[in-house]
Amino acid sequence: DDVRRLLAVLQRLVDLGNTVLLVEHNLDIMKSVDWIIDLGPE
């Protein structure tokens, strides 16, 4: 539920014309973003 609240705030920041860059592994975050930059493979 906290992740859901956080996502709503981050999406609002972007809606206002800003850019939000996350370093993240949470799948609920990853599925909700506009763009993913994937590094690896190991």
PDB file of all heavy atoms in Angstrom:
ATOM      1  N   ASP A   1       0.830  -1.207   0.000  1.00  0.00           N
ATOM      2  CA  ASP A   1       0.000   0.000   0.000  1.00  0.00           C
ATOM      3  C   ASP A   1       0.860   1.251   0.000  1.00  0.00           C
ATOM      4  O   ASP A   1       0.512   2.255  -0.629  1.00  0.00           O
ATOM      5  CB  ASP A   1      -0.930  -0.007   1.215  1.00  0.00           C
ATOM      6  CG  ASP A   1      -2.020   1.050   1.115  1.00  0.00           C
ATOM      7  OD1 ASP A   1      -2.737   1.059   0.096  1.00  0.00           O
ATOM      8  OD2 ASP A   1      -2.149   1.863   2.054  1.00  0.00           O
ATOM      9  N   ASP A   2       2.009   1.201   0.697  1.00  0.00           N
ATOM     10  CA  ASP A   2       2.938   2.341   0.694  1.00  0.00           C
ATOM     11  C   ASP A   2       3.528   2.547  -0.697  1.00  0.00           C
ATOM     12  O   ASP A   2       3.731   3.686  -1.138  1.00  0.00           O
ATOM     13  CB  ASP A   2       4.068   2.116   1.700  1.00  0.00           C
ATOM     14  CG  ASP A   2       3.570   2.047   3.131  1.00  0.00           C
ATOM     15  OD1 ASP A   2       2.679   2.846   3.470  1.00  0.00           O
ATOM     16  OD2 ASP A   2       4.058   1.210   3.897  1.00  0.00           O
ATOM     17  N   VAL A   3       3.826   1.431  -1.393  1.00  0.00           N
ATOM     18  CA  VAL A   3       4.361   1.534  -2.756  1.00  0.00           C
ATOM     19  C   VAL A   3       3.322   2.184  -3.673  1.00  0.00           C
ATOM     20  O   VAL A   3       3.664   3.021  -4.518  1.00  0.00           O
ATOM     21  CB  VAL A   3       4.759   0.139  -3.287  1.00  0.00           C
ATOM     22  CG1 VAL A   3       5.156   0.216  -4.761  1.00  0.00           C
ATOM     23  CG2 VAL A   3       5.907  -0.433  -2.464  1.00  0.00           C
ATOM     24  N   ARG A   4       2.065   1.819  -3.490  1.00  0.00           N
ATOM     25  CA  ARG A   4       0.999   2.417  -4.302  1.00  0.00           C
ATOM     26  C   ARG A   4       0.913   3.927  -4.069  1.00  0.00           C
ATOM     27  O   ARG A   4       0.778   4.701  -5.022  1.00  0.00           O
ATOM     28  CB  ARG A   4      -0.347   1.742  -3.970  1.00  0.00           C
ATOM     29  CG  ARG A   4      -1.514   2.260  -4.784  1.00  0.00           C
ATOM     30  CD  ARG A   4      -2.713   1.319  -4.689  1.00  0.00           C
ATOM     31  NE  ARG A   4      -3.164   1.115  -3.317  1.00  0.00           N
ATOM     32  CZ  ARG A   4      -4.142   0.279  -2.985  1.00  0.00           C
ATOM     33  NH1 ARG A   4      -4.757  -0.439  -3.924  1.00  0.00           N
ATOM     34  NH2 ARG A   4      -4.515   0.138  -1.727  1.00  0.00           N
ATOM     35  N   ARG A   5       1.015   4.350  -2.823  1.00  0.00           N
ATOM     36  CA  ARG A   5       0.992   5.784  -2.505  1.00  0.00           C
ATOM     37  C   ARG A   5       2.197   6.492  -3.128  1.00  0.00           C
ATOM     38  O   ARG A   5       2.075   7.588  -3.692  1.00  0.00           O
ATOM     39  CB  ARG A   5       1.028   5.990  -0.989  1.00  0.00           C
ATOM     40  CG  ARG A   5      -0.268   5.699  -0.260  1.00  0.00           C
ATOM     41  CD  ARG A   5       0.006   5.754   1.235  1.00  0.00           C
ATOM     42  NE  ARG A   5      -1.191   5.562   2.043  1.00  0.00           N
ATOM     43  CZ  ARG A   5      -1.834   6.531   2.667  1.00  0.00           C
ATOM     44  NH1 ARG A   5      -1.398   7.769   2.574  1.00  0.00           N
ATOM     45  NH2 ARG A   5      -2.898   6.289   3.390  1.00  0.00           N
ATOM     46  N   LEU A   6       3.371   5.865  -2.987  1.00  0.00           N
ATOM     47  CA  LEU A   6       4.591   6.457  -3.531  1.00  0.00           C
ATOM     48  C   LEU A   6       4.489   6.624  -5.038  1.00  0.00           C
ATOM     49  O   LEU A   6       4.852   7.673  -5.590  1.00  0.00           O
ATOM     50  CB  LEU A   6       5.791   5.590  -3.172  1.00  0.00           C
ATOM     51  CG  LEU A   6       7.143   6.029  -3.739  1.00  0.00           C
ATOM     52  CD1 LEU A   6       7.575   7.364  -3.137  1.00  0.00           C
ATOM     53  CD2 LEU A   6       8.214   4.973  -3.502  1.00  0.00           C
ATOM     54  N   LEU A   7       3.984   5.603  -5.714  1.00  0.00           N
ATOM     55  CA  LEU A   7       3.835   5.680  -7.172  1.00  0.00           C
ATOM     56  C   LEU A   7       2.925   6.825  -7.574  1.00  0.00           C
ATOM     57  O   LEU A   7       3.194   7.530  -8.556  1.00  0.00           O
ATOM     58  CB  LEU A   7       3.273   4.359  -7.706  1.00  0.00           C
ATOM     59  CG  LEU A   7       4.285   3.351  -8.229  1.00  0.00           C
ATOM     60  CD1 LEU A   7       3.589   2.035  -8.549  1.00  0.00           C
ATOM     61  CD2 LEU A   7       5.000   3.882  -9.462  1.00  0.00           C
ATOM     62  N   ALA A   8       1.835   7.017  -6.836  1.00  0.00           N
ATOM     63  CA  ALA A   8       0.908   8.105  -7.158  1.00  0.00           C
ATOM     64  C   ALA A   8       1.609   9.455  -7.069  1.00  0.00           C
ATOM     65  O   ALA A   8       1.407  10.337  -7.915  1.00  0.00           O
ATOM     66  CB  ALA A   8      -0.300   8.060  -6.221  1.00  0.00           C
ATOM     67  N   VAL A   9       2.473   9.626  -6.049  1.00  0.00           N
ATOM     68  CA  VAL A   9       3.204  10.885  -5.887  1.00  0.00           C
ATOM     69  C   VAL A   9       4.205  11.075  -7.026  1.00  0.00           C
ATOM     70  O   VAL A   9       4.320  12.167  -7.614  1.00  0.00           O
ATOM     71  CB  VAL A   9       3.926  10.908  -4.526  1.00  0.00           C
ATOM     72  CG1 VAL A   9       4.870  12.103  -4.437  1.00  0.00           C
ATOM     73  CG2 VAL A   9       2.913  10.961  -3.395  1.00  0.00           C
ATOM     74  N   LEU A  10       4.929  10.015  -7.368  1.00  0.00           N
ATOM     75  CA  LEU A  10       5.927  10.113  -8.435  1.00  0.00           C
ATOM     76  C   LEU A  10       5.264  10.400  -9.784  1.00  0.00           C
ATOM     77  O   LEU A  10       5.766  11.209 -10.574  1.00  0.00           O
ATOM     78  CB  LEU A  10       6.737   8.822  -8.511  1.00  0.00           C
ATOM     79  CG  LEU A  10       7.550   8.462  -7.258  1.00  0.00           C
ATOM     80  CD1 LEU A  10       8.296   7.156  -7.468  1.00  0.00           C
ATOM     81  CD2 LEU A  10       8.509   9.576  -6.882  1.00  0.00           C
ATOM     82  N   GLN A  11       4.141   9.738 -10.055  1.00  0.00           N
ATOM     83  CA  GLN A  11       3.424   9.991 -11.308  1.00  0.00           C
ATOM     84  C   GLN A  11       2.947  11.434 -11.372  1.00  0.00           C
ATOM     85  O   GLN A  11       2.970  12.074 -12.431  1.00  0.00           O
ATOM     86  CB  GLN A  11       2.228   9.030 -11.444  1.00  0.00           C
ATOM     87  CG  GLN A  11       2.585   7.560 -11.548  1.00  0.00           C
ATOM     88  CD  GLN A  11       3.105   7.152 -12.918  1.00  0.00           C
ATOM     89  OE1 GLN A  11       3.503   7.987 -13.729  1.00  0.00           O
ATOM     90  NE2 GLN A  11       3.114   5.846 -13.185  1.00  0.00           N
ATOM     91  N   ARG A  12       2.545  11.973 -10.214  1.00  0.00           N
ATOM     92  CA  ARG A  12       2.081  13.369 -10.191  1.00  0.00           C
ATOM     93  C   ARG A  12       3.220  14.328 -10.499  1.00  0.00           C
ATOM     94  O   ARG A  12       3.043  15.327 -11.206  1.00  0.00           O
ATOM     95  CB  ARG A  12       1.474  13.690  -8.829  1.00  0.00           C
ATOM     96  CG  ARG A  12       0.653  14.983  -8.829  1.00  0.00           C
ATOM     97  CD  ARG A  12       0.052  15.237  -7.482  1.00  0.00           C
ATOM     98  NE  ARG A  12       0.955  16.003  -6.642  1.00  0.00           N
ATOM     99  CZ  ARG A  12       0.812  16.122  -5.334  1.00  0.00           C
ATOM    100  NH1 ARG A  12      -0.153  15.485  -4.718  1.00  0.00           N
ATOM    101  NH2 ARG A  12       1.656  16.852  -4.630  1.00  0.00           N
ATOM    102  N   LEU A  13       4.406  14.027  -9.971  1.00  0.00           N
ATOM    103  CA  LEU A  13       5.559  14.866 -10.271  1.00  0.00           C
ATOM    104  C   LEU A  13       5.845  14.900 -11.770  1.00  0.00           C
ATOM    105  O   LEU A  13       6.149  15.953 -12.336  1.00  0.00           O
ATOM    106  CB  LEU A  13       6.791  14.343  -9.529  1.00  0.00           C
ATOM    107  CG  LEU A  13       6.912  14.672  -8.041  1.00  0.00           C
ATOM    108  CD1 LEU A  13       8.091  13.931  -7.422  1.00  0.00           C
ATOM    109  CD2 LEU A  13       7.053  16.171  -7.822  1.00  0.00           C
ATOM    110  N   VAL A  14       5.739  13.739 -12.415  1.00  0.00           N
ATOM    111  CA  VAL A  14       5.994  13.675 -13.854  1.00  0.00           C
ATOM    112  C   VAL A  14       4.897  14.403 -14.622  1.00  0.00           C
ATOM    113  O   VAL A  14       5.169  15.090 -15.617  1.00  0.00           O
ATOM    114  CB  VAL A  14       6.126  12.214 -14.314  1.00  0.00           C
ATOM    115  CG1 VAL A  14       6.372  12.146 -15.821  1.00  0.00           C
ATOM    116  CG2 VAL A  14       7.274  11.524 -13.578  1.00  0.00           C
ATOM    117  N   ASP A  15       3.652  14.264 -14.173  1.00  0.00           N
ATOM    118  CA  ASP A  15       2.538  14.962 -14.840  1.00  0.00           C
ATOM    119  C   ASP A  15       2.730  16.472 -14.830  1.00  0.00           C
ATOM    120  O   ASP A  15       2.211  17.180 -15.703  1.00  0.00           O
ATOM    121  CB  ASP A  15       1.208  14.609 -14.161  1.00  0.00           C
ATOM    122  CG  ASP A  15       0.763  13.179 -14.442  1.00  0.00           C
ATOM    123  OD1 ASP A  15       1.242  12.604 -15.446  1.00  0.00           O
ATOM    124  OD2 ASP A  15      -0.036  12.643 -13.665  1.00  0.00           O
ATOM    125  N   LEU A  16       3.493  16.977 -13.851  1.00  0.00           N
ATOM    126  CA  LEU A  16       3.737  18.418 -13.742  1.00  0.00           C
ATOM    127  C   LEU A  16       4.903  18.882 -14.619  1.00  0.00           C
ATOM    128  O   LEU A  16       5.314  20.031 -14.542  1.00  0.00           O
ATOM    129  CB  LEU A  16       4.004  18.790 -12.278  1.00  0.00           C
ATOM    130  CG  LEU A  16       2.813  18.641 -11.326  1.00  0.00           C
ATOM    131  CD1 LEU A  16       3.247  18.816  -9.883  1.00  0.00           C
ATOM    132  CD2 LEU A  16       1.717  19.641 -11.681  1.00  0.00           C
ATOM    133  N   GLY A  17       5.460  17.948 -15.413  1.00  0.00           N
ATOM    134  CA  GLY A  17       6.520  18.324 -16.341  1.00  0.00           C
ATOM    135  C   GLY A  17       7.920  17.996 -15.873  1.00  0.00           C
ATOM    136  O   GLY A  17       8.899  18.425 -16.489  1.00  0.00           O
ATOM    137  N   ASN A  18       8.026  17.231 -14.786  1.00  0.00           N
ATOM    138  CA  ASN A  18       9.335  16.862 -14.261  1.00  0.00           C
ATOM    139  C   ASN A  18       9.740  15.467 -14.748  1.00  0.00           C
ATOM    140  O   ASN A  18       8.957  14.759 -15.384  1.00  0.00           O
ATOM    141  CB  ASN A  18       9.305  16.885 -12.727  1.00  0.00           C
ATOM    142  CG  ASN A  18       8.893  18.230 -12.179  1.00  0.00           C
ATOM    143  OD1 ASN A  18       9.580  19.225 -12.371  1.00  0.00           O
ATOM    144  ND2 ASN A  18       7.751  18.276 -11.504  1.00  0.00           N
ATOM    145  N   THR A  19      10.949  15.077 -14.414  1.00  0.00           N
ATOM    146  CA  THR A  19      11.462  13.744 -14.724  1.00  0.00           C
ATOM    147  C   THR A  19      11.825  13.061 -13.421  1.00  0.00           C
ATOM    148  O   THR A  19      12.454  13.665 -12.545  1.00  0.00           O
ATOM    149  CB  THR A  19      12.712  13.826 -15.612  1.00  0.00           C
ATOM    150  OG1 THR A  19      12.399  14.563 -16.798  1.00  0.00           O
ATOM    151  CG2 THR A  19      13.201  12.433 -15.997  1.00  0.00           C
ATOM    152  N   VAL A  20      11.413  11.802 -13.269  1.00  0.00           N
ATOM    153  CA  VAL A  20      11.768  11.018 -12.084  1.00  0.00           C
ATOM    154  C   VAL A  20      12.572   9.809 -12.538  1.00  0.00           C
ATOM    155  O   VAL A  20      12.105   9.008 -13.350  1.00  0.00           O
ATOM    156  CB  VAL A  20      10.518  10.571 -11.304  1.00  0.00           C
ATOM    157  CG1 VAL A  20      10.929   9.669 -10.136  1.00  0.00           C
ATOM    158  CG2 VAL A  20       9.739  11.779 -10.794  1.00  0.00           C
ATOM    159  N   LEU A  21      13.799   9.694 -12.016  1.00  0.00           N
ATOM    160  CA  LEU A  21      14.697   8.592 -12.347  1.00  0.00           C
ATOM    161  C   LEU A  21      14.902   7.748 -11.097  1.00  0.00           C
ATOM    162  O   LEU A  21      15.361   8.244 -10.067  1.00  0.00           O
ATOM    163  CB  LEU A  21      16.038   9.135 -12.857  1.00  0.00           C
ATOM    164  CG  LEU A  21      17.133   8.108 -13.158  1.00  0.00           C
ATOM    165  CD1 LEU A  21      16.687   7.148 -14.250  1.00  0.00           C
ATOM    166  CD2 LEU A  21      18.425   8.820 -13.565  1.00  0.00           C
ATOM    167  N   LEU A  22      14.561   6.475 -11.182  1.00  0.00           N
ATOM    168  CA  LEU A  22      14.639   5.563 -10.050  1.00  0.00           C
ATOM    169  C   LEU A  22      15.683   4.487 -10.290  1.00  0.00           C
ATOM    170  O   LEU A  22      15.793   3.965 -11.406  1.00  0.00           O
ATOM    171  CB  LEU A  22      13.284   4.869  -9.815  1.00  0.00           C
ATOM    172  CG  LEU A  22      12.034   5.733  -9.755  1.00  0.00           C
ATOM    173  CD1 LEU A  22      10.802   4.854  -9.776  1.00  0.00           C
ATOM    174  CD2 LEU A  22      12.034   6.579  -8.494  1.00  0.00           C
ATOM    175  N   VAL A  23      16.430   4.141  -9.252  1.00  0.00           N
ATOM    176  CA  VAL A  23      17.200   2.900  -9.257  1.00  0.00           C
ATOM    177  C   VAL A  23      16.391   1.941  -8.404  1.00  0.00           C
ATOM    178  O   VAL A  23      16.219   2.155  -7.207  1.00  0.00           O
ATOM    179  CB  VAL A  23      18.612   3.101  -8.659  1.00  0.00           C
ATOM    180  CG1 VAL A  23      19.351   1.774  -8.588  1.00  0.00           C
ATOM    181  CG2 VAL A  23      19.390   4.112  -9.475  1.00  0.00           C
ATOM    182  N   GLU A  24      15.852   0.910  -9.010  1.00  0.00           N
ATOM    183  CA  GLU A  24      14.839   0.121  -8.317  1.00  0.00           C
ATOM    184  C   GLU A  24      14.757  -1.303  -8.857  1.00  0.00           C
ATOM    185  O   GLU A  24      15.044  -1.557 -10.027  1.00  0.00           O
ATOM    186  CB  GLU A  24      13.472   0.820  -8.450  1.00  0.00           C
ATOM    187  CG  GLU A  24      12.349   0.233  -7.641  1.00  0.00           C
ATOM    188  CD  GLU A  24      12.671   0.153  -6.161  1.00  0.00           C
ATOM    189  OE1 GLU A  24      12.532   1.163  -5.449  1.00  0.00           O
ATOM    190  OE2 GLU A  24      13.069  -0.951  -5.726  1.00  0.00           O
ATOM    191  N   HIS A  25      14.331  -2.234  -7.956  1.00  0.00           N
ATOM    192  CA  HIS A  25      14.111  -3.629  -8.356  1.00  0.00           C
ATOM    193  C   HIS A  25      12.666  -4.059  -8.147  1.00  0.00           C
ATOM    194  O   HIS A  25      12.288  -5.146  -8.568  1.00  0.00           O
ATOM    195  CB  HIS A  25      14.982  -4.574  -7.522  1.00  0.00           C
ATOM    196  CG  HIS A  25      16.446  -4.298  -7.619  1.00  0.00           C
ATOM    197  ND1 HIS A  25      17.115  -3.539  -6.692  1.00  0.00           N
ATOM    198  CD2 HIS A  25      17.366  -4.676  -8.532  1.00  0.00           C
ATOM    199  CE1 HIS A  25      18.390  -3.474  -7.022  1.00  0.00           C
ATOM    200  NE2 HIS A  25      18.574  -4.137  -8.123  1.00  0.00           N
ATOM    201  N   ASN A  26      11.889  -3.250  -7.438  1.00  0.00           N
ATOM    202  CA  ASN A  26      10.519  -3.633  -7.113  1.00  0.00           C
ATOM    203  C   ASN A  26       9.704  -3.821  -8.394  1.00  0.00           C
ATOM    204  O   ASN A  26       9.621  -2.928  -9.243  1.00  0.00           O
ATOM    205  CB  ASN A  26       9.886  -2.553  -6.229  1.00  0.00           C
ATOM    206  CG  ASN A  26       8.491  -2.908  -5.786  1.00  0.00           C
ATOM    207  OD1 ASN A  26       7.541  -2.762  -6.545  1.00  0.00           O
ATOM    208  ND2 ASN A  26       8.366  -3.365  -4.558  1.00  0.00           N
ATOM    209  N   LEU A  27       9.071  -4.986  -8.536  1.00  0.00           N
ATOM    210  CA  LEU A  27       8.354  -5.299  -9.776  1.00  0.00           C
ATOM    211  C   LEU A  27       7.143  -4.399  -9.992  1.00  0.00           C
ATOM    212  O   LEU A  27       6.816  -4.058 -11.127  1.00  0.00           O
ATOM    213  CB  LEU A  27       7.920  -6.769  -9.760  1.00  0.00           C
ATOM    214  CG  LEU A  27       9.031  -7.788 -10.038  1.00  0.00           C
ATOM    215  CD1 LEU A  27       8.535  -9.203  -9.787  1.00  0.00           C
ATOM    216  CD2 LEU A  27       9.534  -7.650 -11.465  1.00  0.00           C
ATOM    217  N   ASP A  28       6.471  -4.004  -8.905  1.00  0.00           N
ATOM    218  CA  ASP A  28       5.320  -3.114  -9.058  1.00  0.00           C
ATOM    219  C   ASP A  28       5.755  -1.745  -9.577  1.00  0.00           C
ATOM    220  O   ASP A  28       5.012  -1.091 -10.313  1.00  0.00           O
ATOM    221  CB  ASP A  28       4.583  -2.957  -7.724  1.00  0.00           C
ATOM    222  CG  ASP A  28       3.748  -4.185  -7.384  1.00  0.00           C
ATOM    223  OD1 ASP A  28       3.069  -4.704  -8.295  1.00  0.00           O
ATOM    224  OD2 ASP A  28       3.791  -4.629  -6.227  1.00  0.00           O
ATOM    225  N   ILE A  29       6.954  -1.307  -9.195  1.00  0.00           N
ATOM    226  CA  ILE A  29       7.495  -0.059  -9.734  1.00  0.00           C
ATOM    227  C   ILE A  29       7.877  -0.252 -11.194  1.00  0.00           C
ATOM    228  O   ILE A  29       7.526   0.556 -12.070  1.00  0.00           O
ATOM    229  CB  ILE A  29       8.719   0.409  -8.918  1.00  0.00           C
ATOM    230  CG1 ILE A  29       8.314   0.796  -7.494  1.00  0.00           C
ATOM    231  CG2 ILE A  29       9.420   1.561  -9.625  1.00  0.00           C
ATOM    232  CD1 ILE A  29       7.601   2.111  -7.365  1.00  0.00           C
ATOM    233  N   MET A  30       8.598  -1.344 -11.472  1.00  0.00           N
ATOM    234  CA  MET A  30       9.076  -1.573 -12.841  1.00  0.00           C
ATOM    235  C   MET A  30       7.935  -1.673 -13.840  1.00  0.00           C
ATOM    236  O   MET A  30       8.024  -1.164 -14.955  1.00  0.00           O
ATOM    237  CB  MET A  30       9.941  -2.836 -12.881  1.00  0.00           C
ATOM    238  CG  MET A  30      11.329  -2.650 -12.292  1.00  0.00           C
ATOM    239  SD  MET A  30      12.471  -3.978 -12.757  1.00  0.00           S
ATOM    240  CE  MET A  30      12.009  -5.246 -11.599  1.00  0.00           C
ATOM    241  N   LYS A  31       6.849  -2.315 -13.454  1.00  0.00           N
ATOM    242  CA  LYS A  31       5.740  -2.473 -14.397  1.00  0.00           C
ATOM    243  C   LYS A  31       4.990  -1.159 -14.623  1.00  0.00           C
ATOM    244  O   LYS A  31       4.245  -1.031 -15.596  1.00  0.00           O
ATOM    245  CB  LYS A  31       4.758  -3.533 -13.888  1.00  0.00           C
ATOM    246  CG  LYS A  31       3.835  -3.061 -12.767  1.00  0.00           C
ATOM    247  CD  LYS A  31       2.850  -4.119 -12.321  1.00  0.00           C
ATOM    248  CE  LYS A  31       1.859  -3.563 -11.305  1.00  0.00           C
ATOM    249  NZ  LYS A  31       0.926  -4.586 -10.803  1.00  0.00           N
ATOM    250  N   SER A  32       5.200  -0.170 -13.722  1.00  0.00           N
ATOM    251  CA  SER A  32       4.429   1.075 -13.773  1.00  0.00           C
ATOM    252  C   SER A  32       5.161   2.227 -14.430  1.00  0.00           C
ATOM    253  O   SER A  32       4.563   3.275 -14.667  1.00  0.00           O
ATOM    254  CB  SER A  32       4.018   1.496 -12.348  1.00  0.00           C
ATOM    255  OG  SER A  32       3.287   0.475 -11.702  1.00  0.00           O
ATOM    256  N   VAL A  33       6.466   2.062 -14.713  1.00  0.00           N
ATOM    257  CA  VAL A  33       7.237   3.183 -15.262  1.00  0.00           C
ATOM    258  C   VAL A  33       7.020   3.298 -16.770  1.00  0.00           C
ATOM    259  O   VAL A  33       6.469   2.403 -17.415  1.00  0.00           O
ATOM    260  CB  VAL A  33       8.743   3.040 -14.942  1.00  0.00           C
ATOM    261  CG1 VAL A  33       8.959   2.948 -13.441  1.00  0.00           C
ATOM    262  CG2 VAL A  33       9.341   1.830 -15.651  1.00  0.00           C
ATOM    263  N   ASP A  34       7.498   4.406 -17.321  1.00  0.00           N
ATOM    264  CA  ASP A  34       7.392   4.622 -18.763  1.00  0.00           C
ATOM    265  C   ASP A  34       8.552   3.984 -19.522  1.00  0.00           C
ATOM    266  O   ASP A  34       8.404   3.588 -20.677  1.00  0.00           O
ATOM    267  CB  ASP A  34       7.374   6.131 -19.065  1.00  0.00           C
ATOM    268  CG  ASP A  34       6.248   6.842 -18.349  1.00  0.00           C
ATOM    269  OD1 ASP A  34       5.096   6.404 -18.489  1.00  0.00           O
ATOM    270  OD2 ASP A  34       6.513   7.833 -17.644  1.00  0.00           O
ATOM    271  N   TRP A  35       9.700   3.901 -18.871  1.00  0.00           N
ATOM    272  CA  TRP A  35      10.914   3.471 -19.577  1.00  0.00           C
ATOM    273  C   TRP A  35      11.830   2.743 -18.600  1.00  0.00           C
ATOM    274  O   TRP A  35      11.998   3.177 -17.460  1.00  0.00           O
ATOM    275  CB  TRP A  35      11.636   4.689 -20.143  1.00  0.00           C
ATOM    276  CG  TRP A  35      12.643   4.412 -21.213  1.00  0.00           C
ATOM    277  CD1 TRP A  35      14.004   4.417 -21.078  1.00  0.00           C
ATOM    278  CD2 TRP A  35      12.391   4.113 -22.577  1.00  0.00           C
ATOM    279  NE1 TRP A  35      14.603   4.139 -22.276  1.00  0.00           N
ATOM    280  CE2 TRP A  35      13.628   3.946 -23.223  1.00  0.00           C
ATOM    281  CE3 TRP A  35      11.218   3.972 -23.328  1.00  0.00           C
ATOM    282  CZ2 TRP A  35      13.746   3.649 -24.569  1.00  0.00           C
ATOM    283  CZ3 TRP A  35      11.316   3.669 -24.665  1.00  0.00           C
ATOM    284  CH2 TRP A  35      12.568   3.515 -25.286  1.00  0.00           C
ATOM    285  N   ILE A  36      12.427   1.637 -19.038  1.00  0.00           N
ATOM    286  CA  ILE A  36      13.352   0.867 -18.208  1.00  0.00           C
ATOM    287  C   ILE A  36      14.710   0.809 -18.901  1.00  0.00           C
ATOM    288  O   ILE A  36      14.795   0.556 -20.106  1.00  0.00           O
ATOM    289  CB  ILE A  36      12.842  -0.564 -17.956  1.00  0.00           C
ATOM    290  CG1 ILE A  36      11.550  -0.537 -17.133  1.00  0.00           C
ATOM    291  CG2 ILE A  36      13.900  -1.392 -17.229  1.00  0.00           C
ATOM    292  CD1 ILE A  36      10.967  -1.920 -16.867  1.00  0.00           C
ATOM    293  N   ILE A  37      15.763   1.041 -18.124  1.00  0.00           N
ATOM    294  CA  ILE A  37      17.138   0.888 -18.594  1.00  0.00           C
ATOM    295  C   ILE A  37      17.716  -0.294 -17.824  1.00  0.00           C
ATOM    296  O   ILE A  37      17.873  -0.234 -16.595  1.00  0.00           O
ATOM    297  CB  ILE A  37      17.961   2.169 -18.354  1.00  0.00           C
ATOM    298  CG1 ILE A  37      17.364   3.325 -19.167  1.00  0.00           C
ATOM    299  CG2 ILE A  37      19.427   1.952 -18.699  1.00  0.00           C
ATOM    300  CD1 ILE A  37      17.872   4.688 -18.758  1.00  0.00           C
ATOM    301  N   ASP A  38      18.022  -1.380 -18.530  1.00  0.00           N
ATOM    302  CA  ASP A  38      18.412  -2.632 -17.892  1.00  0.00           C
ATOM    303  C   ASP A  38      19.897  -2.899 -18.101  1.00  0.00           C
ATOM    304  O   ASP A  38      20.378  -2.960 -19.235  1.00  0.00           O
ATOM    305  CB  ASP A  38      17.577  -3.781 -18.482  1.00  0.00           C
ATOM    306  CG  ASP A  38      17.732  -5.067 -17.687  1.00  0.00           C
ATOM    307  OD1 ASP A  38      17.951  -4.977 -16.465  1.00  0.00           O
ATOM    308  OD2 ASP A  38      17.613  -6.155 -18.289  1.00  0.00           O
ATOM    309  N   LEU A  39      20.629  -3.048 -16.987  1.00  0.00           N
ATOM    310  CA  LEU A  39      22.061  -3.321 -17.029  1.00  0.00           C
ATOM    311  C   LEU A  39      22.330  -4.775 -16.663  1.00  0.00           C
ATOM    312  O   LEU A  39      21.525  -5.420 -16.000  1.00  0.00           O
ATOM    313  CB  LEU A  39      22.815  -2.401 -16.074  1.00  0.00           C
ATOM    314  CG  LEU A  39      22.666  -0.890 -16.283  1.00  0.00           C
ATOM    315  CD1 LEU A  39      23.495  -0.124 -15.259  1.00  0.00           C
ATOM    316  CD2 LEU A  39      23.067  -0.481 -17.693  1.00  0.00           C
ATOM    317  N   GLY A  40      23.485  -5.282 -17.069  1.00  0.00           N
ATOM    318  CA  GLY A  40      23.823  -6.664 -16.739  1.00  0.00           C
ATOM    319  C   GLY A  40      24.901  -7.196 -17.660  1.00  0.00           C
ATOM    320  O   GLY A  40      25.731  -6.429 -18.155  1.00  0.00           O
ATOM    321  N   PRO A  41      24.873  -8.515 -17.989  1.00  0.00           N
ATOM    322  CA  PRO A  41      23.852  -9.480 -17.558  1.00  0.00           C
ATOM    323  C   PRO A  41      24.069 -10.005 -16.151  1.00  0.00           C
ATOM    324  O   PRO A  41      23.144 -10.522 -15.521  1.00  0.00           O
ATOM    325  CB  PRO A  41      24.007 -10.611 -18.584  1.00  0.00           C
ATOM    326  CG  PRO A  41      25.447 -10.533 -18.993  1.00  0.00           C
ATOM    327  CD  PRO A  41      25.812  -9.086 -18.960  1.00  0.00           C
ATOM    328  N   GLU A  42      25.306  -9.887 -15.628  1.00  0.00           N
ATOM    329  CA  GLU A  42      25.610 -10.357 -14.280  1.00  0.00           C
ATOM    330  C   GLU A  42      26.149  -9.187 -13.467  1.00  0.00           C
ATOM    331  O   GLU A  42      26.052  -8.041 -13.880  1.00  0.00           O
ATOM    332  CB  GLU A  42      26.621 -11.510 -14.333  1.00  0.00           C
ATOM    333  CG  GLU A  42      26.143 -12.734 -15.105  1.00  0.00           C
ATOM    334  CD  GLU A  42      24.960 -13.420 -14.434  1.00  0.00           C
ATOM    335  OE1 GLU A  42      24.822 -13.270 -13.198  1.00  0.00           O
ATOM    336  OE2 GLU A  42      24.189 -14.110 -15.127  1.00  0.00           O
TER     337      GLU A  42
END
